[in-house]
Amino acid sequence: MTKILLLASSARTIEVANGSNEEAGVFAAGALRPYDRFTGAGAYVAVATVDGKAPHIDPYSLEPVFHYPDEDQNFLASVTRTFMRNADDIRITLQHLAELDLIAARRIFDALKQAQVKPDEARVVVERAARTAWRETANFVAILSADAAVRATVSVAQIRECADALQAEAKNSADKMRRRFSALPDFQKPIKLGELSIEEMLGYDAIFIPGGYGPMVDLADNPDVRRLLRVMHDRSHVIAALAHGPAALLSAGYGSDGLWLFDGYRMTALTDEEEDQTRLGKLGLPWYLEAALKNCGAVFDDAPAAWTSHVVVDRNLITGQNPASTDAIADAVLKRVAAGRVNNRMNIGPQDLPFVHDAGSSGPSQKDGRPCGPRDACSLSLELCKRLASRDADGVDALVRADAAVDFGPAETSGSFAQQGAKFLRDLIAAFPDLRVKVRSIMGNSETAVVEVTVEGTQAADFLGIHNQKKRLDLDQAWVIGASDGKIASIRAYWCQIQLYRRSAVKRLDQISITG
C-alpha cells in the first residue's frame, strides 16, 4: 500500500510588516483535497506537525473565491482567453474573481439561453461584458444590468440572483470543508514529527506539504523538517509541496559543498505577483517565498498567468504554484509514487545495492550469493550502474563487449567501447570520487533496456572540457543498453548539456566567443 506523510503547519499566526500578528494556518482545500485524492486512490495518509498540535485552518482559505465550483472556473477561463490576442497579456487577479462577479459568467450565460437567446449570441453578450469589466475594473453584473438589450431578456434581479447564488454555494462549500477538517482524527491528532525514526520516515513513499501562511512560520527553519527532507531526498522518495508549502524546503539547509539541498532544482510556489494580491500580502509580509527560493538557488518556474494551475516536476521534487494547482499536484504525486513502485530499484551506490559483483560468477548475484537470474539487458544495466557507483572500472570493462557500440551523443563521443567508451567511463569515475548513480526507472526485455538515472558527485578533476569547479553536480540521464550473449553489446546515453553547464556554473558553448 502507498503511504504518504502529510506534513502540515500548526502555526496559528504570522507577523506582518506593521508588527502585528495576523491569523494564519493551513490552506483548507490545499490539505483536504489532496488528502481525499490520496485516500480515494487507496493510499494510507498520516498527518504530522512539528509540535504534534492540530493544524489550524487559515481563515483566508475559507473565502468564497477559493471555493467556486470547477465548472464555473472552467467557463470563466474560456471567456478570459478571448480578452487578448496573446494569452500571456491576460492578467486575472483575485480582485477580478472576488469583487467583480466575473465568476458568474456561466450562470448568466445559462440564464440568457433559458430566455431563448441563441447560444452564440449569449456567448457574445457575456464575453463583451466580461471584457469591459476586466479592462475597466468594473462589476460584471452592473455592466450587464446597465445593458438595455440584456434587461429586455432577463431582469436585473435575475442577473443579481445568479451571482448571489454562486457566492452562497461557495460559502456553503467552505463551511462544509471547515467542519470536515475539524472532524477528521488524522488532522486533529497528528504525529509529532520529531518522534518519527529514520526507519519510520522511510516507510512513507512520499511527503506532501500543503500551503497556507503557516509553513512560512514553523516549517521554513526547523531541524526536524530538515532531517525529514534529507532522509527522504537521499533515498529519492517523493517530496511534494503546494503554494506556500515549498517554504519547508528552506529548512533543508546546505551541504558540505556549501550548496542548498535543492540547488538548481526547477520548482514553483506562490509567486510574488500572487502574494501582492492577497490580504496579508497587502499588509506586508516579512519575506516573500518566491524571492527566498530563488536566493537559495531554485530555478523558479511559474505559470504565464497568475492563479492558473501549474505543477513542476524535477526528479523527486514536485511543486504546485497556487490553490488552482491542488488537484494536479495530488495526481502528480500518485503517478510518481506508482512509477516508483513499478521501478523500485533506487539509490544505487556502493552499499545497499540490489546486486553485488562476484568476479568469479557468470553473472550478478544477490547479497546472499545466489544468482539473480539470466544476464539480460535489465540485470546487466543495473550491474553496470552498481559497478560505476563502486568505482569498479575493471568490472565495467568486464561487463561490456570490446566491440560494443557506444554513443554518448551530448559529449560527441562515439565508436567502439574499447576505443571510446572505456575511457569515457574511467574519466567519469576519476573526476567524481564520490560518484553515485540513482536508478529512477528501468524497463525493457532480454535484449534492450531503457534506464533513467541521476548521476551525481563532487567534481575533483576536469571532465568533458569542464574545468574542475569542485562543486557537487547532478545530471539526469537516459541510457539505452543492448545485450547479447550475456554481455552489454551497445550503450547510448542522452542528457541535457545545458543542464550540465548550469549545474557546473559554466556558460553554454554557443555563448562563448572564440577569438583567434
Protein backbone atom coordinates (compact mmCIF):
# COMPACT_ATOMS: atom_id res chain seq x y z
CA MET A 1 0.00 0.00 0.00
CA THR A 2 1.16 3.51 -0.82
CA LYS A 3 1.95 5.52 2.31
CA ILE A 4 2.03 9.33 2.29
CA LEU A 5 3.06 11.63 5.13
CA LEU A 6 1.13 14.90 5.02
CA LEU A 7 3.28 17.48 6.83
CA ALA A 8 1.09 20.39 7.88
CA SER A 9 1.84 23.59 9.71
CA SER A 10 0.42 24.06 13.21
CA ALA A 11 1.19 27.79 13.30
CA ARG A 12 -1.80 29.99 14.05
CA THR A 13 -0.46 33.50 13.42
CA ILE A 14 2.07 35.32 11.26
CA GLU A 15 3.70 38.69 11.86
CA VAL A 16 3.11 41.33 9.19
CA ALA A 17 5.04 44.47 8.32
CA ASN A 18 3.47 46.72 10.96
CA GLY A 19 4.50 44.31 13.72
CA SER A 20 1.03 42.94 14.44
CA ASN A 21 0.16 39.24 14.36
CA GLU A 22 -2.47 38.11 11.87
CA GLU A 23 -4.33 34.81 11.96
CA ALA A 24 -2.79 32.22 9.66
CA GLY A 25 -2.53 28.43 9.31
CA VAL A 26 -3.09 25.69 6.75
CA PHE A 27 -4.90 26.33 3.47
CA ALA A 28 -8.06 24.24 3.86
CA ALA A 29 -8.55 22.96 0.31
CA GLY A 30 -4.79 22.53 -0.16
CA ALA A 31 -4.77 19.99 2.66
CA LEU A 32 -8.18 18.29 2.39
CA ARG A 33 -8.48 17.83 -1.37
CA PRO A 34 -5.12 16.04 -1.71
CA TYR A 35 -5.95 14.03 1.44
CA ASP A 36 -9.21 12.90 -0.19
CA ARG A 37 -7.49 12.20 -3.50
CA PHE A 38 -4.78 10.13 -1.83
CA THR A 39 -7.15 8.10 0.35
CA GLY A 40 -9.58 7.73 -2.56
CA ALA A 41 -6.76 6.09 -4.53
CA GLY A 42 -6.24 3.59 -1.72
CA ALA A 43 -3.23 5.25 -0.09
CA TYR A 44 -2.63 5.39 3.64
CA VAL A 45 -2.17 9.01 4.76
CA ALA A 46 -0.71 10.11 8.09
CA VAL A 47 -0.71 13.75 9.19
CA ALA A 48 2.25 15.22 11.08
CA THR A 49 3.10 18.63 12.53
CA VAL A 50 6.36 19.79 14.07
CA ASP A 51 4.92 20.04 17.58
CA GLY A 52 2.20 17.39 17.45
CA LYS A 53 -0.53 20.03 17.73
CA ALA A 54 -3.50 20.07 15.42
CA PRO A 55 -3.12 22.28 12.34
CA HIS A 56 -5.23 25.42 12.27
CA ILE A 57 -7.18 26.41 9.15
CA ASP A 58 -6.05 29.68 7.64
CA PRO A 59 -9.31 31.71 7.67
CA TYR A 60 -8.35 33.35 4.39
CA SER A 61 -8.57 29.92 2.73
CA LEU A 62 -12.29 29.81 3.57
CA GLU A 63 -13.07 32.87 1.45
CA PRO A 64 -15.64 32.02 -1.30
CA VAL A 65 -13.15 32.91 -4.04
CA PHE A 66 -11.25 29.70 -3.26
CA HIS A 67 -14.36 27.51 -3.34
CA TYR A 68 -16.03 28.28 -6.65
CA PRO A 69 -17.23 25.15 -8.48
CA ASP A 70 -14.92 23.80 -11.17
CA GLU A 71 -17.49 24.25 -13.92
CA ASP A 72 -17.78 27.97 -13.17
CA GLN A 73 -14.00 28.41 -13.07
CA ASN A 74 -13.55 26.50 -16.33
CA PHE A 75 -16.21 28.54 -18.11
CA LEU A 76 -14.68 31.81 -16.95
CA ALA A 77 -11.27 30.63 -18.20
CA SER A 78 -12.79 30.02 -21.64
CA VAL A 79 -14.12 33.59 -21.58
CA THR A 80 -10.95 35.31 -20.38
CA ARG A 81 -8.90 33.54 -23.08
CA THR A 82 -10.68 35.78 -25.60
CA PHE A 83 -9.57 39.04 -23.97
CA MET A 84 -6.18 39.41 -25.68
CA ARG A 85 -4.53 38.06 -28.79
CA ASN A 86 -1.58 36.86 -26.69
CA ALA A 87 -2.61 34.78 -23.65
CA ASP A 88 0.46 35.99 -21.72
CA ASP A 89 -1.04 39.51 -21.71
CA ILE A 90 -4.16 38.42 -19.82
CA ARG A 91 -3.71 39.18 -16.12
CA ILE A 92 -6.52 37.91 -13.92
CA THR A 93 -6.24 38.97 -10.30
CA LEU A 94 -8.04 37.96 -7.13
CA GLN A 95 -9.92 41.24 -7.33
CA HIS A 96 -11.37 40.20 -10.70
CA LEU A 97 -12.55 36.93 -9.20
CA ALA A 98 -13.64 38.09 -5.76
CA GLU A 99 -15.07 41.57 -6.29
CA LEU A 100 -16.16 41.94 -9.92
CA ASP A 101 -18.55 38.93 -10.11
CA LEU A 102 -16.84 37.64 -13.26
CA ILE A 103 -17.13 34.12 -11.92
CA ALA A 104 -20.92 34.33 -12.50
CA ALA A 105 -20.39 34.27 -16.29
CA ARG A 106 -21.53 30.66 -16.78
CA ARG A 107 -24.73 31.06 -14.82
CA ILE A 108 -25.68 34.29 -16.57
CA PHE A 109 -24.93 32.60 -19.91
CA ASP A 110 -27.35 29.80 -18.92
CA ALA A 111 -29.99 32.35 -17.87
CA LEU A 112 -29.76 34.02 -21.28
CA LYS A 113 -30.18 30.67 -23.04
CA GLN A 114 -33.21 29.84 -20.89
CA ALA A 115 -34.66 33.18 -22.03
CA GLN A 116 -34.45 31.86 -25.60
CA VAL A 117 -31.28 33.73 -26.58
CA LYS A 118 -29.27 31.69 -29.08
CA PRO A 119 -26.10 30.22 -27.51
CA ASP A 120 -23.70 32.03 -29.85
CA GLU A 121 -25.46 35.33 -29.22
CA ALA A 122 -25.49 34.75 -25.45
CA ARG A 123 -21.79 33.99 -25.59
CA VAL A 124 -21.08 37.27 -27.38
CA VAL A 125 -23.05 39.22 -24.74
CA VAL A 126 -21.20 37.56 -21.87
CA GLU A 127 -17.74 37.93 -23.43
CA ARG A 128 -18.32 41.60 -24.28
CA ALA A 129 -19.44 42.48 -20.76
CA ALA A 130 -16.67 40.42 -19.15
CA ARG A 131 -14.01 42.09 -21.27
CA THR A 132 -15.30 45.52 -20.27
CA ALA A 133 -15.32 44.54 -16.59
CA TRP A 134 -11.75 43.26 -16.88
CA ARG A 135 -10.40 46.34 -18.68
CA GLU A 136 -12.18 48.91 -16.56
CA THR A 137 -12.09 47.03 -13.22
CA ALA A 138 -15.86 47.37 -13.14
CA ASN A 139 -18.51 45.00 -11.81
CA PHE A 140 -19.60 42.41 -14.38
CA VAL A 141 -23.18 42.19 -13.07
CA ALA A 142 -23.53 46.00 -13.04
CA ILE A 143 -22.36 46.21 -16.66
CA LEU A 144 -24.89 43.61 -17.80
CA SER A 145 -27.64 45.24 -15.74
CA ALA A 146 -26.97 48.56 -17.49
CA ASP A 147 -27.40 46.97 -20.94
CA ALA A 148 -30.94 47.65 -22.16
CA ALA A 149 -30.83 44.72 -24.61
CA VAL A 150 -29.91 42.34 -21.80
CA ARG A 151 -32.60 43.77 -19.49
CA ALA A 152 -35.17 43.15 -22.19
CA THR A 153 -34.34 39.43 -21.95
CA VAL A 154 -33.53 38.81 -18.29
CA SER A 155 -34.27 41.09 -15.37
CA VAL A 156 -31.67 42.82 -13.23
CA ALA A 157 -32.95 40.72 -10.32
CA GLN A 158 -32.28 37.51 -12.26
CA ILE A 159 -28.75 38.61 -13.09
CA ARG A 160 -28.04 39.51 -9.48
CA GLU A 161 -29.57 36.25 -8.33
CA CYS A 162 -27.11 34.27 -10.49
CA ALA A 163 -24.15 35.92 -8.81
CA ASP A 164 -25.59 35.72 -5.30
CA ALA A 165 -26.44 32.02 -5.69
CA LEU A 166 -22.87 31.28 -6.70
CA GLN A 167 -21.47 33.14 -3.72
CA ALA A 168 -23.81 31.29 -1.36
CA GLU A 169 -22.83 27.94 -2.88
CA ALA A 170 -19.12 28.73 -2.49
CA LYS A 171 -19.62 29.81 1.13
CA ASN A 172 -21.55 26.62 1.88
CA SER A 173 -18.71 24.56 0.34
CA ALA A 174 -16.17 26.36 2.55
CA ASP A 175 -18.29 25.74 5.66
CA LYS A 176 -18.54 22.02 4.88
CA MET A 177 -14.77 21.86 4.43
CA ARG A 178 -14.18 23.58 7.77
CA ARG A 179 -16.50 21.17 9.59
CA ARG A 180 -14.96 18.12 7.98
CA PHE A 181 -11.43 19.30 8.75
CA SER A 182 -12.38 19.66 12.42
CA ALA A 183 -13.89 16.16 12.48
CA LEU A 184 -11.03 14.20 10.89
CA PRO A 185 -8.93 12.40 13.55
CA ASP A 186 -5.84 12.46 11.29
CA PHE A 187 -5.80 16.26 11.37
CA GLN A 188 -6.94 16.69 14.97
CA LYS A 189 -4.43 14.21 16.45
CA PRO A 190 -1.35 14.43 14.22
CA ILE A 191 2.02 12.75 14.68
CA LYS A 192 4.81 14.82 16.24
CA LEU A 193 7.42 14.96 13.51
CA GLY A 194 10.44 14.77 15.83
CA GLU A 195 9.24 11.43 17.24
CA LEU A 196 9.50 9.67 13.88
CA SER A 197 12.58 7.49 13.49
CA ILE A 198 14.51 7.39 10.23
CA GLU A 199 13.10 3.92 9.57
CA GLU A 200 9.57 5.21 10.09
CA MET A 201 10.20 8.15 7.75
CA LEU A 202 11.48 5.81 5.05
CA GLY A 203 8.30 3.77 5.41
CA TYR A 204 6.49 6.57 3.57
CA ASP A 205 6.64 6.72 -0.22
CA ALA A 206 6.13 10.47 -0.28
CA ILE A 207 5.70 13.56 1.84
CA PHE A 208 3.19 16.22 0.90
CA ILE A 209 3.27 19.75 2.34
CA PRO A 210 0.13 21.88 1.83
CA GLY A 211 0.16 25.66 1.79
CA GLY A 212 -1.34 28.47 3.79
CA TYR A 213 0.77 31.07 5.58
CA GLY A 214 1.60 28.63 8.37
CA PRO A 215 4.57 26.96 6.60
CA MET A 216 6.31 30.34 6.43
CA VAL A 217 6.22 30.42 10.25
CA ASP A 218 7.06 26.93 11.54
CA LEU A 219 8.34 24.89 8.58
CA ALA A 220 10.84 27.26 6.93
CA ASP A 221 13.57 26.83 9.58
CA ASN A 222 13.05 23.69 11.60
CA PRO A 223 15.59 20.94 12.43
CA ASP A 224 13.01 18.14 12.33
CA VAL A 225 11.84 19.25 8.89
CA ARG A 226 15.50 19.37 7.82
CA ARG A 227 16.03 15.78 8.97
CA LEU A 228 12.88 14.58 7.19
CA LEU A 229 13.80 16.28 3.91
CA ARG A 230 17.35 14.95 3.93
CA VAL A 231 16.33 11.40 4.77
CA MET A 232 13.64 11.30 2.08
CA HIS A 233 15.74 13.10 -0.50
CA ASP A 234 18.71 10.79 -0.02
CA ARG A 235 16.53 7.81 -0.94
CA SER A 236 14.79 9.69 -3.78
CA HIS A 237 11.38 9.44 -2.11
CA VAL A 238 8.83 11.89 -3.46
CA ILE A 239 8.81 15.34 -1.87
CA ALA A 240 5.81 17.48 -2.83
CA ALA A 241 4.73 20.94 -1.71
CA LEU A 242 1.94 23.32 -2.73
CA ALA A 243 1.64 27.14 -2.78
CA HIS A 244 3.34 28.30 0.47
CA GLY A 245 4.28 24.70 1.26
CA PRO A 246 7.66 24.98 -0.53
CA ALA A 247 8.71 27.27 2.35
CA ALA A 248 9.54 23.99 4.11
CA LEU A 249 12.26 23.33 1.52
CA LEU A 250 14.21 26.23 3.02
CA SER A 251 14.74 24.07 6.12
CA ALA A 252 16.84 21.60 4.09
CA GLY A 253 19.92 23.76 4.65
CA TYR A 254 23.32 23.45 3.00
CA GLY A 255 25.66 20.54 2.44
CA SER A 256 29.42 20.25 2.86
CA ASP A 257 29.78 21.72 -0.62
CA GLY A 258 28.06 24.92 0.54
CA LEU A 259 25.03 24.33 -1.70
CA TRP A 260 21.39 24.16 -0.71
CA LEU A 261 19.98 20.63 -0.89
CA PHE A 262 17.67 21.67 -3.76
CA ASP A 263 20.16 23.94 -5.54
CA GLY A 264 19.45 24.01 -9.27
CA TYR A 265 16.07 22.27 -8.98
CA ARG A 266 13.18 23.60 -11.04
CA MET A 267 10.29 24.42 -8.76
CA THR A 268 7.34 26.71 -8.29
CA ALA A 269 5.39 28.22 -5.38
CA LEU A 270 3.01 31.09 -4.75
CA THR A 271 4.57 33.92 -6.74
CA ASP A 272 5.37 37.42 -5.55
CA GLU A 273 2.74 38.70 -8.00
CA GLU A 274 0.08 36.49 -6.44
CA GLU A 275 1.26 37.30 -2.93
CA ASP A 276 0.77 41.04 -3.53
CA GLN A 277 -2.92 40.36 -4.27
CA THR A 278 -3.67 38.51 -1.04
CA ARG A 279 -4.98 40.09 2.14
CA LEU A 280 -1.78 39.55 4.12
CA GLY A 281 0.39 40.39 1.14
CA LYS A 282 -1.24 43.81 1.02
CA LEU A 283 -0.47 44.29 4.72
CA GLY A 284 3.17 43.46 4.05
CA LEU A 285 4.94 40.19 4.85
CA PRO A 286 8.39 39.96 6.45
CA TRP A 287 9.67 37.98 3.45
CA TYR A 288 8.46 36.60 0.13
CA LEU A 289 8.63 32.91 -0.74
CA GLU A 290 9.47 33.21 -4.43
CA ALA A 291 12.40 35.52 -3.70
CA ALA A 292 13.65 33.30 -0.85
CA LEU A 293 13.64 30.18 -3.02
CA LYS A 294 15.48 31.97 -5.82
CA ASN A 295 18.08 33.32 -3.39
CA CYS A 296 18.77 29.77 -2.18
CA GLY A 297 19.37 28.50 -5.71
CA ALA A 298 15.97 27.41 -7.07
CA VAL A 299 15.29 27.62 -10.79
CA PHE A 300 11.88 29.22 -10.37
CA ASP A 301 9.26 28.18 -12.92
CA ASP A 302 5.87 29.91 -12.73
CA ALA A 303 2.83 29.87 -14.99
CA PRO A 304 2.40 32.53 -17.70
CA ALA A 305 -0.52 33.99 -15.73
CA ALA A 306 -1.28 34.24 -12.03
CA TRP A 307 -3.82 31.97 -10.32
CA THR A 308 -3.71 29.29 -13.03
CA SER A 309 -2.83 25.68 -12.38
CA HIS A 310 0.90 24.98 -12.67
CA VAL A 311 2.84 21.96 -11.41
CA VAL A 312 6.59 21.42 -11.82
CA VAL A 313 8.30 18.02 -11.52
CA ASP A 314 12.09 17.87 -11.23
CA ARG A 315 13.45 14.49 -10.23
CA ASN A 316 11.81 13.51 -6.93
CA LEU A 317 10.58 17.07 -6.20
CA ILE A 318 7.01 18.05 -7.16
CA THR A 319 5.76 21.58 -6.53
CA GLY A 320 2.46 23.35 -7.24
CA GLN A 321 2.12 27.10 -7.67
CA ASN A 322 -1.22 28.03 -6.08
CA PRO A 323 -4.64 26.75 -4.96
CA ALA A 324 -5.65 26.15 -8.59
CA SER A 325 -2.87 23.54 -8.76
CA THR A 326 -4.24 21.42 -5.90
CA ASP A 327 -5.79 18.53 -7.83
CA ALA A 328 -2.98 18.45 -10.39
CA ILE A 329 -0.22 18.14 -7.78
CA ALA A 330 -2.09 15.40 -5.90
CA ASP A 331 -2.43 13.42 -9.12
CA ALA A 332 1.24 14.01 -9.93
CA VAL A 333 2.25 12.60 -6.54
CA LEU A 334 0.17 9.45 -7.04
CA LYS A 335 1.56 8.89 -10.52
CA ARG A 336 5.15 9.40 -9.40
CA VAL A 337 4.76 7.03 -6.44
CA ALA A 338 3.14 4.42 -8.69
CA ALA A 339 6.02 4.69 -11.15
CA GLY A 340 8.48 4.33 -8.31
CA ARG A 341 6.75 1.18 -7.08
CA VAL A 342 6.95 -0.42 -10.52
CA ASN A 343 10.58 0.58 -10.84
CA ASN A 344 11.70 0.26 -7.22
CA ARG A 345 15.41 -0.25 -7.66
CA MET A 346 16.52 3.13 -6.36
CA ASN A 347 19.59 4.91 -4.99
CA ILE A 348 22.26 2.59 -6.31
CA GLY A 349 25.53 3.33 -4.57
CA PRO A 350 28.48 1.44 -3.13
CA GLN A 351 26.25 -0.05 -0.43
CA ASP A 352 22.62 -1.13 -0.06
CA LEU A 353 22.67 -2.42 -3.65
CA PRO A 354 20.24 -4.91 -5.16
CA PHE A 355 23.22 -6.81 -6.58
CA VAL A 356 26.85 -7.31 -5.58
CA HIS A 357 29.54 -8.20 -8.07
CA ASP A 358 31.15 -11.61 -7.77
CA ALA A 359 34.11 -11.72 -10.13
CA GLY A 360 34.10 -15.49 -10.06
CA SER A 361 30.48 -15.91 -11.11
CA SER A 362 28.95 -15.86 -14.55
CA GLY A 363 26.59 -13.07 -13.66
CA PRO A 364 25.27 -10.71 -10.97
CA SER A 365 24.45 -12.20 -7.58
CA GLN A 366 22.14 -11.28 -4.76
CA LYS A 367 23.61 -10.27 -1.41
CA ASP A 368 23.35 -13.84 -0.16
CA GLY A 369 25.43 -15.05 -3.11
CA ARG A 370 22.61 -16.73 -5.05
CA PRO A 371 22.48 -15.97 -8.79
CA CYS A 372 19.95 -13.26 -9.62
CA GLY A 373 18.93 -14.73 -12.93
CA PRO A 374 19.97 -14.59 -16.61
CA ARG A 375 22.21 -11.79 -17.76
CA ASP A 376 19.51 -9.98 -19.70
CA ALA A 377 19.56 -6.29 -20.61
CA CYS A 378 17.85 -5.12 -17.39
CA SER A 379 20.08 -7.06 -15.00
CA LEU A 380 23.19 -6.07 -16.96
CA SER A 381 22.10 -2.42 -16.84
CA LEU A 382 21.66 -2.49 -13.08
CA GLU A 383 25.02 -4.21 -12.68
CA LEU A 384 26.66 -1.53 -14.83
CA CYS A 385 25.22 1.17 -12.55
CA LYS A 386 26.41 -0.70 -9.50
CA ARG A 387 29.95 -1.10 -10.78
CA LEU A 388 30.14 2.56 -11.82
CA ALA A 389 28.97 3.64 -8.36
CA SER A 390 31.51 1.26 -6.79
CA ARG A 391 34.26 2.86 -8.95
CA ASP A 392 35.00 -0.58 -10.35
CA ALA A 393 36.41 0.38 -13.76
CA ASP A 394 37.78 -3.12 -14.42
CA GLY A 395 34.40 -4.57 -13.51
CA VAL A 396 32.73 -2.23 -16.01
CA ASP A 397 35.17 -3.34 -18.72
CA ALA A 398 34.41 -7.00 -17.99
CA LEU A 399 30.68 -6.36 -18.35
CA VAL A 400 30.84 -4.78 -21.84
CA ARG A 401 31.98 -6.33 -25.09
CA ALA A 402 35.08 -4.67 -26.52
CA ASP A 403 33.30 -4.14 -29.85
CA ALA A 404 30.13 -2.80 -28.22
CA ALA A 405 28.85 0.31 -29.99
CA VAL A 406 28.78 3.33 -27.68
CA ASP A 407 27.28 6.75 -28.34
CA PHE A 408 27.46 9.48 -25.71
CA GLY A 409 25.80 11.98 -28.02
CA PRO A 410 25.95 15.22 -25.99
CA ALA A 411 29.67 14.61 -25.39
CA GLU A 412 30.22 13.90 -29.10
CA THR A 413 31.81 10.59 -28.16
CA SER A 414 31.00 7.51 -30.23
CA GLY A 415 32.71 4.40 -31.51
CA SER A 416 33.55 1.03 -30.00
CA PHE A 417 33.71 0.52 -26.26
CA ALA A 418 37.40 -0.38 -26.42
CA GLN A 419 38.23 2.80 -28.36
CA GLN A 420 35.90 5.37 -26.75
CA GLY A 421 33.52 4.03 -24.10
CA ALA A 422 36.00 2.61 -21.61
CA LYS A 423 37.99 5.85 -21.46
CA PHE A 424 34.83 7.96 -21.08
CA LEU A 425 33.59 5.93 -18.11
CA ARG A 426 37.04 5.77 -16.50
CA ASP A 427 37.32 9.56 -16.80
CA LEU A 428 33.89 9.86 -15.16
CA ILE A 429 34.98 7.69 -12.25
CA ALA A 430 38.25 9.62 -11.86
CA ALA A 431 36.54 13.04 -11.99
CA PHE A 432 33.98 12.18 -9.28
CA PRO A 433 35.49 10.24 -6.34
CA ASP A 434 32.10 10.04 -4.60
CA LEU A 435 30.20 9.06 -7.74
CA ARG A 436 26.64 7.91 -7.16
CA VAL A 437 24.17 6.51 -9.67
CA LYS A 438 20.48 6.66 -8.79
CA VAL A 439 18.25 4.48 -10.95
CA ARG A 440 14.87 6.20 -11.19
CA SER A 441 13.22 3.73 -13.56
CA ILE A 442 14.07 0.79 -15.78
CA MET A 443 12.06 -1.05 -18.41
CA GLY A 444 12.87 -3.42 -21.21
CA ASN A 445 13.22 -7.03 -22.27
CA SER A 446 16.04 -9.57 -22.57
CA GLU A 447 17.73 -7.66 -25.39
CA THR A 448 17.16 -3.94 -24.69
CA ALA A 449 16.71 -1.86 -21.55
CA VAL A 450 15.90 1.82 -21.10
CA VAL A 451 17.24 3.19 -17.81
CA GLU A 452 16.54 6.61 -16.33
CA VAL A 453 19.30 7.59 -13.93
CA THR A 454 20.62 10.56 -11.99
CA VAL A 455 24.41 10.64 -11.88
CA GLU A 456 25.84 12.81 -9.13
CA GLY A 457 29.05 13.50 -7.28
CA THR A 458 31.58 16.16 -6.33
CA GLN A 459 33.87 17.17 -9.18
CA ALA A 460 37.58 16.66 -8.42
CA ALA A 461 39.08 16.82 -11.92
CA ASP A 462 38.39 18.29 -15.35
CA PHE A 463 35.70 16.40 -17.25
CA LEU A 464 34.17 16.83 -20.71
CA GLY A 465 36.15 20.00 -21.17
CA ILE A 466 34.65 21.49 -17.99
CA HIS A 467 37.25 22.93 -15.67
CA ASN A 468 37.23 21.42 -12.19
CA GLN A 469 34.67 23.52 -10.29
CA LYS A 470 34.94 21.45 -7.09
CA LYS A 471 31.14 21.56 -6.98
CA ARG A 472 28.63 18.84 -6.33
CA LEU A 473 26.84 18.13 -9.59
CA ASP A 474 23.85 16.02 -10.52
CA LEU A 475 22.63 15.23 -14.01
CA ASP A 476 19.55 13.36 -15.24
CA GLN A 477 20.32 10.89 -17.99
CA ALA A 478 18.64 8.17 -20.05
CA TRP A 479 20.60 5.13 -21.20
CA VAL A 480 19.54 2.63 -23.85
CA ILE A 481 21.50 -0.56 -23.30
CA GLY A 482 21.56 -3.56 -25.61
CA ALA A 483 22.59 -7.06 -24.54
CA SER A 484 23.87 -10.06 -26.43
CA ASP A 485 25.35 -13.38 -25.26
CA GLY A 486 25.37 -12.31 -21.61
CA LYS A 487 27.24 -9.04 -22.14
CA ILE A 488 26.42 -5.43 -22.95
CA ALA A 489 26.53 -5.01 -26.72
CA SER A 490 25.63 -1.32 -27.02
CA ILE A 491 25.28 1.82 -24.89
CA ARG A 492 23.58 5.03 -25.93
CA ALA A 493 23.36 7.82 -23.38
CA TYR A 494 21.34 11.03 -23.51
CA TRP A 495 21.31 14.08 -21.25
CA CYS A 496 20.75 17.82 -21.46
CA GLN A 497 24.12 19.51 -21.98
CA ILE A 498 22.61 22.86 -20.98
CA GLN A 499 21.60 21.34 -17.65
CA LEU A 500 25.17 20.12 -17.19
CA TYR A 501 26.59 23.59 -17.87
CA ARG A 502 24.08 25.16 -15.49
CA ARG A 503 24.89 22.65 -12.74
CA SER A 504 28.62 23.29 -13.16
CA ALA A 505 28.21 27.08 -13.42
CA VAL A 506 29.83 27.41 -16.85
CA LYS A 507 28.48 29.09 -19.96
CA ARG A 508 26.94 27.19 -22.81
CA LEU A 509 29.41 26.56 -25.60
CA ASP A 510 27.32 28.58 -28.05
CA GLN A 511 27.56 31.56 -25.69
CA ILE A 512 31.35 31.53 -25.55
CA SER A 513 33.04 33.78 -28.12
CA ILE A 514 36.13 32.24 -29.66
CA THR A 515 38.84 34.62 -30.84
CA GLY A 516 41.98 33.84 -32.71
